[in-house]
Amino acid sequence: MVKVKLHLHLARFSEMGNKEFTINYEENMTLESLLKKLRIPIEEVGMFVVNGKWQDKNYIILDKDSIEIFPVYLGG
């Protein structure tokens, strides 16, 4: 199992509107393919944090990972 947490408005892409949920682990799934599975456009995402460390979209997800997905931030 993999824990996923969607921050701020990204929860609207979740089927049930949940910010936190678990998904089944799939071998060789990257963060980018996770986004496709969740139907979250890549251009909506500003940062991935996996187990407390920043990762890029090519990171291969491991079983029991804890993933946080943050939106692009605008403003100043």
PDB file of N, CA and C in Angstrom:
ATOM      1  N   MET A   1       0.835  -1.187   0.000  1.00  0.00           N
ATOM      2  CA  MET A   1       0.000   0.000   0.000  1.00  0.00           C
ATOM      3  C   MET A   1       0.877   1.246   0.000  1.00  0.00           C
ATOM      4  N   VAL A   2       0.367   2.273  -0.615  1.00  0.00           N
ATOM      5  CA  VAL A   2       1.046   3.557  -0.715  1.00  0.00           C
ATOM      6  C   VAL A   2       0.106   4.635  -0.201  1.00  0.00           C
ATOM      7  N   LYS A   3       0.598   5.481   0.699  1.00  0.00           N
ATOM      8  CA  LYS A   3      -0.210   6.588   1.217  1.00  0.00           C
ATOM      9  C   LYS A   3      -0.039   7.794   0.303  1.00  0.00           C
ATOM     10  N   VAL A   4      -1.145   8.459  -0.002  1.00  0.00           N
ATOM     11  CA  VAL A   4      -1.105   9.645  -0.857  1.00  0.00           C
ATOM     12  C   VAL A   4      -1.843  10.776  -0.139  1.00  0.00           C
ATOM     13  N   LYS A   5      -1.247  11.951  -0.164  1.00  0.00           N
ATOM     14  CA  LYS A   5      -1.882  13.149   0.391  1.00  0.00           C
ATOM     15  C   LYS A   5      -1.833  14.236  -0.668  1.00  0.00           C
ATOM     16  N   LEU A   6      -3.004  14.750  -1.020  1.00  0.00           N
ATOM     17  CA  LEU A   6      -3.109  15.834  -1.996  1.00  0.00           C
ATOM     18  C   LEU A   6      -3.292  17.146  -1.241  1.00  0.00           C
ATOM     19  N   HIS A   7      -2.478  18.127  -1.553  1.00  0.00           N
ATOM     20  CA  HIS A   7      -2.548  19.403  -0.858  1.00  0.00           C
ATOM     21  C   HIS A   7      -3.401  20.411  -1.620  1.00  0.00           C
ATOM     22  N   LEU A   8      -4.091  21.238  -0.836  1.00  0.00           N
ATOM     23  CA  LEU A   8      -4.922  22.346  -1.314  1.00  0.00           C
ATOM     24  C   LEU A   8      -5.922  21.892  -2.378  1.00  0.00           C
ATOM     25  N   HIS A   9      -5.987  22.582  -3.489  1.00  0.00           N
ATOM     26  CA  HIS A   9      -7.039  22.311  -4.480  1.00  0.00           C
ATOM     27  C   HIS A   9      -6.848  21.009  -5.254  1.00  0.00           C
ATOM     28  N   LEU A  10      -5.727  20.323  -5.092  1.00  0.00           N
ATOM     29  CA  LEU A  10      -5.531  19.062  -5.820  1.00  0.00           C
ATOM     30  C   LEU A  10      -6.527  17.993  -5.388  1.00  0.00           C
ATOM     31  N   ALA A  11      -7.110  18.130  -4.203  1.00  0.00           N
ATOM     32  CA  ALA A  11      -8.101  17.149  -3.729  1.00  0.00           C
ATOM     33  C   ALA A  11      -9.321  17.099  -4.638  1.00  0.00           C
ATOM     34  N   ARG A  12      -9.570  18.137  -5.391  1.00  0.00           N
ATOM     35  CA  ARG A  12     -10.739  18.131  -6.288  1.00  0.00           C
ATOM     36  C   ARG A  12     -10.600  17.076  -7.382  1.00  0.00           C
ATOM     37  N   PHE A  13      -9.373  16.634  -7.654  1.00  0.00           N
ATOM     38  CA  PHE A  13      -9.152  15.610  -8.672  1.00  0.00           C
ATOM     39  C   PHE A  13      -9.400  14.202  -8.128  1.00  0.00           C
ATOM     40  N   SER A  14      -9.463  14.064  -6.819  1.00  0.00           N
ATOM     41  CA  SER A  14      -9.712  12.769  -6.200  1.00  0.00           C
ATOM     42  C   SER A  14     -11.168  12.375  -6.446  1.00  0.00           C
ATOM     43  N   GLU A  15     -11.405  11.102  -6.747  1.00  0.00           N
ATOM     44  CA  GLU A  15     -12.755  10.629  -7.042  1.00  0.00           C
ATOM     45  C   GLU A  15     -13.742  10.945  -5.924  1.00  0.00           C
ATOM     46  N   MET A  16     -13.313  10.853  -4.679  1.00  0.00           N
ATOM     47  CA  MET A  16     -14.204  11.076  -3.555  1.00  0.00           C
ATOM     48  C   MET A  16     -13.933  12.416  -2.872  1.00  0.00           C
ATOM     49  N   GLY A  17     -13.042  13.210  -3.444  1.00  0.00           N
ATOM     50  CA  GLY A  17     -12.717  14.492  -2.847  1.00  0.00           C
ATOM     51  C   GLY A  17     -11.857  14.384  -1.602  1.00  0.00           C
ATOM     52  N   ASN A  18     -11.282  13.204  -1.377  1.00  0.00           N
ATOM     53  CA  ASN A  18     -10.444  12.995  -0.193  1.00  0.00           C
ATOM     54  C   ASN A  18      -9.055  13.576  -0.415  1.00  0.00           C
ATOM     55  N   LYS A  19      -8.528  14.177   0.634  1.00  0.00           N
ATOM     56  CA  LYS A  19      -7.164  14.689   0.565  1.00  0.00           C
ATOM     57  C   LYS A  19      -6.145  13.603   0.858  1.00  0.00           C
ATOM     58  N   GLU A  20      -6.527  12.615   1.676  1.00  0.00           N
ATOM     59  CA  GLU A  20      -5.616  11.545   2.056  1.00  0.00           C
ATOM     60  C   GLU A  20      -6.276  10.202   1.795  1.00  0.00           C
ATOM     61  N   PHE A  21      -5.518   9.295   1.188  1.00  0.00           N
ATOM     62  CA  PHE A  21      -6.039   7.964   0.889  1.00  0.00           C
ATOM     63  C   PHE A  21      -4.874   7.023   0.626  1.00  0.00           C
ATOM     64  N   THR A  22      -5.165   5.748   0.501  1.00  0.00           N
ATOM     65  CA  THR A  22      -4.147   4.762   0.157  1.00  0.00           C
ATOM     66  C   THR A  22      -4.512   4.133  -1.181  1.00  0.00           C
ATOM     67  N   ILE A  23      -3.481   3.723  -1.900  1.00  0.00           N
ATOM     68  CA  ILE A  23      -3.676   3.003  -3.157  1.00  0.00           C
ATOM     69  C   ILE A  23      -2.837   1.739  -3.103  1.00  0.00           C
ATOM     70  N   ASN A  24      -3.166   0.788  -3.933  1.00  0.00           N
ATOM     71  CA  ASN A  24      -2.374  -0.436  -4.014  1.00  0.00           C
ATOM     72  C   ASN A  24      -1.040  -0.147  -4.681  1.00  0.00           C
ATOM     73  N   TYR A  25      -0.012  -0.774  -4.142  1.00  0.00           N
ATOM     74  CA  TYR A  25       1.319  -0.670  -4.726  1.00  0.00           C
ATOM     75  C   TYR A  25       1.336  -1.358  -6.086  1.00  0.00           C
ATOM     76  N   GLU A  26       1.961  -0.711  -7.071  1.00  0.00           N
ATOM     77  CA  GLU A  26       2.151  -1.300  -8.399  1.00  0.00           C
ATOM     78  C   GLU A  26       3.627  -1.188  -8.752  1.00  0.00           C
ATOM     79  N   GLU A  27       4.205  -2.295  -9.134  1.00  0.00           N
ATOM     80  CA  GLU A  27       5.619  -2.331  -9.481  1.00  0.00           C
ATOM     81  C   GLU A  27       5.921  -1.393 -10.648  1.00  0.00           C
ATOM     82  N   ASN A  28       7.022  -0.684 -10.564  1.00  0.00           N
ATOM     83  CA  ASN A  28       7.520   0.230 -11.599  1.00  0.00           C
ATOM     84  C   ASN A  28       6.630   1.437 -11.861  1.00  0.00           C
ATOM     85  N   MET A  29       5.763   1.792 -10.922  1.00  0.00           N
ATOM     86  CA  MET A  29       4.938   2.990 -11.081  1.00  0.00           C
ATOM     87  C   MET A  29       5.757   4.213 -10.659  1.00  0.00           C
ATOM     88  N   THR A  30       5.793   5.209 -11.523  1.00  0.00           N
ATOM     89  CA  THR A  30       6.483   6.463 -11.213  1.00  0.00           C
ATOM     90  C   THR A  30       5.475   7.464 -10.660  1.00  0.00           C
ATOM     91  N   LEU A  31       5.995   8.564 -10.135  1.00  0.00           N
ATOM     92  CA  LEU A  31       5.097   9.624  -9.679  1.00  0.00           C
ATOM     93  C   LEU A  31       4.281  10.179 -10.841  1.00  0.00           C
ATOM     94  N   GLU A  32       4.896  10.279 -12.007  1.00  0.00           N
ATOM     95  CA  GLU A  32       4.171  10.769 -13.178  1.00  0.00           C
ATOM     96  C   GLU A  32       3.030   9.819 -13.557  1.00  0.00           C
ATOM     97  N   SER A  33       3.281   8.508 -13.522  1.00  0.00           N
ATOM     98  CA  SER A  33       2.207   7.570 -13.858  1.00  0.00           C
ATOM     99  C   SER A  33       1.131   7.547 -12.776  1.00  0.00           C
ATOM    100  N   LEU A  34       1.505   7.833 -11.530  1.00  0.00           N
ATOM    101  CA  LEU A  34       0.512   7.974 -10.462  1.00  0.00           C
ATOM    102  C   LEU A  34      -0.428   9.129 -10.778  1.00  0.00           C
ATOM    103  N   LEU A  35       0.137  10.248 -11.232  1.00  0.00           N
ATOM    104  CA  LEU A  35      -0.708  11.388 -11.600  1.00  0.00           C
ATOM    105  C   LEU A  35      -1.702  11.007 -12.681  1.00  0.00           C
ATOM    106  N   LYS A  36      -1.246  10.279 -13.677  1.00  0.00           N
ATOM    107  CA  LYS A  36      -2.138   9.842 -14.758  1.00  0.00           C
ATOM    108  C   LYS A  36      -3.251   8.967 -14.208  1.00  0.00           C
ATOM    109  N   LYS A  37      -2.884   8.064 -13.307  1.00  0.00           N
ATOM    110  CA  LYS A  37      -3.870   7.173 -12.690  1.00  0.00           C
ATOM    111  C   LYS A  37      -4.908   7.971 -11.901  1.00  0.00           C
ATOM    112  N   LEU A  38      -4.461   9.027 -11.234  1.00  0.00           N
ATOM    113  CA  LEU A  38      -5.353   9.863 -10.430  1.00  0.00           C
ATOM    114  C   LEU A  38      -6.044  10.955 -11.250  1.00  0.00           C
ATOM    115  N   ARG A  39      -5.674  11.049 -12.532  1.00  0.00           N
ATOM    116  CA  ARG A  39      -6.218  12.053 -13.449  1.00  0.00           C
ATOM    117  C   ARG A  39      -5.922  13.486 -12.990  1.00  0.00           C
ATOM    118  N   ILE A  40      -4.682  13.668 -12.527  1.00  0.00           N
ATOM    119  CA  ILE A  40      -4.215  14.996 -12.128  1.00  0.00           C
ATOM    120  C   ILE A  40      -3.266  15.481 -13.214  1.00  0.00           C
ATOM    121  N   PRO A  41      -3.582  16.598 -13.867  1.00  0.00           N
ATOM    122  CA  PRO A  41      -2.685  17.127 -14.903  1.00  0.00           C
ATOM    123  C   PRO A  41      -1.324  17.500 -14.312  1.00  0.00           C
ATOM    124  N   ILE A  42      -0.259  17.104 -14.979  1.00  0.00           N
ATOM    125  CA  ILE A  42       1.102  17.371 -14.498  1.00  0.00           C
ATOM    126  C   ILE A  42       1.349  18.868 -14.312  1.00  0.00           C
ATOM    127  N   GLU A  43       0.711  19.689 -15.143  1.00  0.00           N
ATOM    128  CA  GLU A  43       0.939  21.135 -15.025  1.00  0.00           C
ATOM    129  C   GLU A  43       0.301  21.733 -13.764  1.00  0.00           C
ATOM    130  N   GLU A  44      -0.535  20.967 -13.066  1.00  0.00           N
ATOM    131  CA  GLU A  44      -1.122  21.412 -11.796  1.00  0.00           C
ATOM    132  C   GLU A  44      -0.191  21.159 -10.611  1.00  0.00           C
ATOM    133  N   VAL A  45       0.843  20.325 -10.828  1.00  0.00           N
ATOM    134  CA  VAL A  45       1.702  19.887  -9.725  1.00  0.00           C
ATOM    135  C   VAL A  45       2.997  20.684  -9.693  1.00  0.00           C
ATOM    136  N   GLY A  46       3.326  21.189  -8.506  1.00  0.00           N
ATOM    137  CA  GLY A  46       4.553  21.953  -8.331  1.00  0.00           C
ATOM    138  C   GLY A  46       5.659  21.157  -7.673  1.00  0.00           C
ATOM    139  N   MET A  47       5.267  20.155  -6.823  1.00  0.00           N
ATOM    140  CA  MET A  47       6.291  19.449  -6.073  1.00  0.00           C
ATOM    141  C   MET A  47       5.746  18.122  -5.541  1.00  0.00           C
ATOM    142  N   PHE A  48       6.637  17.128  -5.505  1.00  0.00           N
ATOM    143  CA  PHE A  48       6.354  15.838  -4.878  1.00  0.00           C
ATOM    144  C   PHE A  48       7.274  15.687  -3.675  1.00  0.00           C
ATOM    145  N   VAL A  49       6.730  15.198  -2.567  1.00  0.00           N
ATOM    146  CA  VAL A  49       7.541  14.854  -1.402  1.00  0.00           C
ATOM    147  C   VAL A  49       7.229  13.400  -1.058  1.00  0.00           C
ATOM    148  N   VAL A  50       8.275  12.569  -1.044  1.00  0.00           N
ATOM    149  CA  VAL A  50       8.114  11.150  -0.747  1.00  0.00           C
ATOM    150  C   VAL A  50       8.925  10.832   0.501  1.00  0.00           C
ATOM    151  N   ASN A  51       8.236  10.351   1.522  1.00  0.00           N
ATOM    152  CA  ASN A  51       8.889  10.018   2.798  1.00  0.00           C
ATOM    153  C   ASN A  51       9.717  11.196   3.322  1.00  0.00           C
ATOM    154  N   GLY A  52       9.170  12.394   3.155  1.00  0.00           N
ATOM    155  CA  GLY A  52       9.818  13.598   3.677  1.00  0.00           C
ATOM    156  C   GLY A  52      10.906  14.191   2.812  1.00  0.00           C
ATOM    157  N   LYS A  53      11.133  13.634   1.613  1.00  0.00           N
ATOM    158  CA  LYS A  53      12.189  14.143   0.735  1.00  0.00           C
ATOM    159  C   LYS A  53      11.617  14.497  -0.630  1.00  0.00           C
ATOM    160  N   TRP A  54      12.067  15.621  -1.183  1.00  0.00           N
ATOM    161  CA  TRP A  54      11.636  16.035  -2.511  1.00  0.00           C
ATOM    162  C   TRP A  54      12.066  15.002  -3.545  1.00  0.00           C
ATOM    163  N   GLN A  55      11.163  14.714  -4.496  1.00  0.00           N
ATOM    164  CA  GLN A  55      11.475  13.793  -5.586  1.00  0.00           C
ATOM    165  C   GLN A  55      10.939  14.375  -6.887  1.00  0.00           C
ATOM    166  N   ASP A  56      11.507  13.952  -8.015  1.00  0.00           N
ATOM    167  CA  ASP A  56      10.974  14.414  -9.294  1.00  0.00           C
ATOM    168  C   ASP A  56       9.968  13.394  -9.829  1.00  0.00           C
ATOM    169  N   LYS A  57       9.337  13.720 -10.939  1.00  0.00           N
ATOM    170  CA  LYS A  57       8.239  12.911 -11.483  1.00  0.00           C
ATOM    171  C   LYS A  57       8.677  11.518 -11.937  1.00  0.00           C
ATOM    172  N   ASN A  58       9.971  11.285 -12.089  1.00  0.00           N
ATOM    173  CA  ASN A  58      10.474   9.985 -12.542  1.00  0.00           C
ATOM    174  C   ASN A  58      10.796   9.021 -11.402  1.00  0.00           C
ATOM    175  N   TYR A  59      10.604   9.473 -10.175  1.00  0.00           N
ATOM    176  CA  TYR A  59      10.846   8.609  -9.009  1.00  0.00           C
ATOM    177  C   TYR A  59       9.963   7.367  -9.110  1.00  0.00           C
ATOM    178  N   ILE A  60      10.548   6.189  -8.894  1.00  0.00           N
ATOM    179  CA  ILE A  60       9.795   4.936  -8.906  1.00  0.00           C
ATOM    180  C   ILE A  60       9.278   4.666  -7.492  1.00  0.00           C
ATOM    181  N   ILE A  61       7.975   4.585  -7.374  1.00  0.00           N
ATOM    182  CA  ILE A  61       7.309   4.414  -6.088  1.00  0.00           C
ATOM    183  C   ILE A  61       7.597   3.028  -5.515  1.00  0.00           C
ATOM    184  N   LEU A  62       7.866   3.008  -4.212  1.00  0.00           N
ATOM    185  CA  LEU A  62       8.112   1.760  -3.495  1.00  0.00           C
ATOM    186  C   LEU A  62       6.925   1.455  -2.584  1.00  0.00           C
ATOM    187  N   ASP A  63       6.743   0.178  -2.285  1.00  0.00           N
ATOM    188  CA  ASP A  63       5.678  -0.220  -1.370  1.00  0.00           C
ATOM    189  C   ASP A  63       5.876   0.486  -0.031  1.00  0.00           C
ATOM    190  N   LYS A  64       4.809   0.957   0.542  1.00  0.00           N
ATOM    191  CA  LYS A  64       4.783   1.654   1.837  1.00  0.00           C
ATOM    192  C   LYS A  64       5.304   3.089   1.784  1.00  0.00           C
ATOM    193  N   ASP A  65       5.538   3.628   0.583  1.00  0.00           N
ATOM    194  CA  ASP A  65       5.919   5.039   0.476  1.00  0.00           C
ATOM    195  C   ASP A  65       4.770   5.923   0.950  1.00  0.00           C
ATOM    196  N   SER A  66       5.129   7.084   1.448  1.00  0.00           N
ATOM    197  CA  SER A  66       4.174   8.117   1.823  1.00  0.00           C
ATOM    198  C   SER A  66       4.420   9.304   0.896  1.00  0.00           C
ATOM    199  N   ILE A  67       3.441   9.613   0.063  1.00  0.00           N
ATOM    200  CA  ILE A  67       3.612  10.603  -1.004  1.00  0.00           C
ATOM    201  C   ILE A  67       2.723  11.813  -0.739  1.00  0.00           C
ATOM    202  N   GLU A  68       3.309  12.984  -0.815  1.00  0.00           N
ATOM    203  CA  GLU A  68       2.553  14.231  -0.745  1.00  0.00           C
ATOM    204  C   GLU A  68       2.715  14.941  -2.081  1.00  0.00           C
ATOM    205  N   ILE A  69       1.593  15.424  -2.608  1.00  0.00           N
ATOM    206  CA  ILE A  69       1.605  16.115  -3.895  1.00  0.00           C
ATOM    207  C   ILE A  69       1.114  17.534  -3.664  1.00  0.00           C
ATOM    208  N   PHE A  70       1.961  18.495  -4.029  1.00  0.00           N
ATOM    209  CA  PHE A  70       1.661  19.909  -3.821  1.00  0.00           C
ATOM    210  C   PHE A  70       1.372  20.584  -5.161  1.00  0.00           C
ATOM    211  N   PRO A  71       0.436  21.528  -5.177  1.00  0.00           N
ATOM    212  CA  PRO A  71       0.144  22.243  -6.415  1.00  0.00           C
ATOM    213  C   PRO A  71       1.199  23.296  -6.721  1.00  0.00           C
ATOM    214  N   VAL A  72       1.114  23.813  -7.921  1.00  0.00           N
ATOM    215  CA  VAL A  72       1.943  24.956  -8.312  1.00  0.00           C
ATOM    216  C   VAL A  72       1.467  26.142  -7.483  1.00  0.00           C
ATOM    217  N   TYR A  73       2.397  26.869  -6.899  1.00  0.00           N
ATOM    218  CA  TYR A  73       2.063  28.058  -6.120  1.00  0.00           C
ATOM    219  C   TYR A  73       2.329  29.296  -6.951  1.00  0.00           C
ATOM    220  N   LEU A  74       1.383  30.205  -6.923  1.00  0.00           N
ATOM    221  CA  LEU A  74       1.538  31.476  -7.622  1.00  0.00           C
ATOM    222  C   LEU A  74       1.430  32.603  -6.619  1.00  0.00           C
ATOM    223  N   GLY A  75       1.996  33.699  -6.943  1.00  0.00           N
ATOM    224  CA  GLY A  75       1.884  34.850  -6.054  1.00  0.00           C
ATOM    225  C   GLY A  75       3.247  35.390  -5.676  1.00  0.00           C
ATOM    226  N   GLY A  76       3.247  36.345  -4.776  1.00  0.00           N
ATOM    227  CA  GLY A  76       4.525  36.898  -4.431  1.00  0.00           C
ATOM    228  C   GLY A  76       4.496  37.794  -3.318  1.00  0.00           C
TER     229      GLY A  76
END
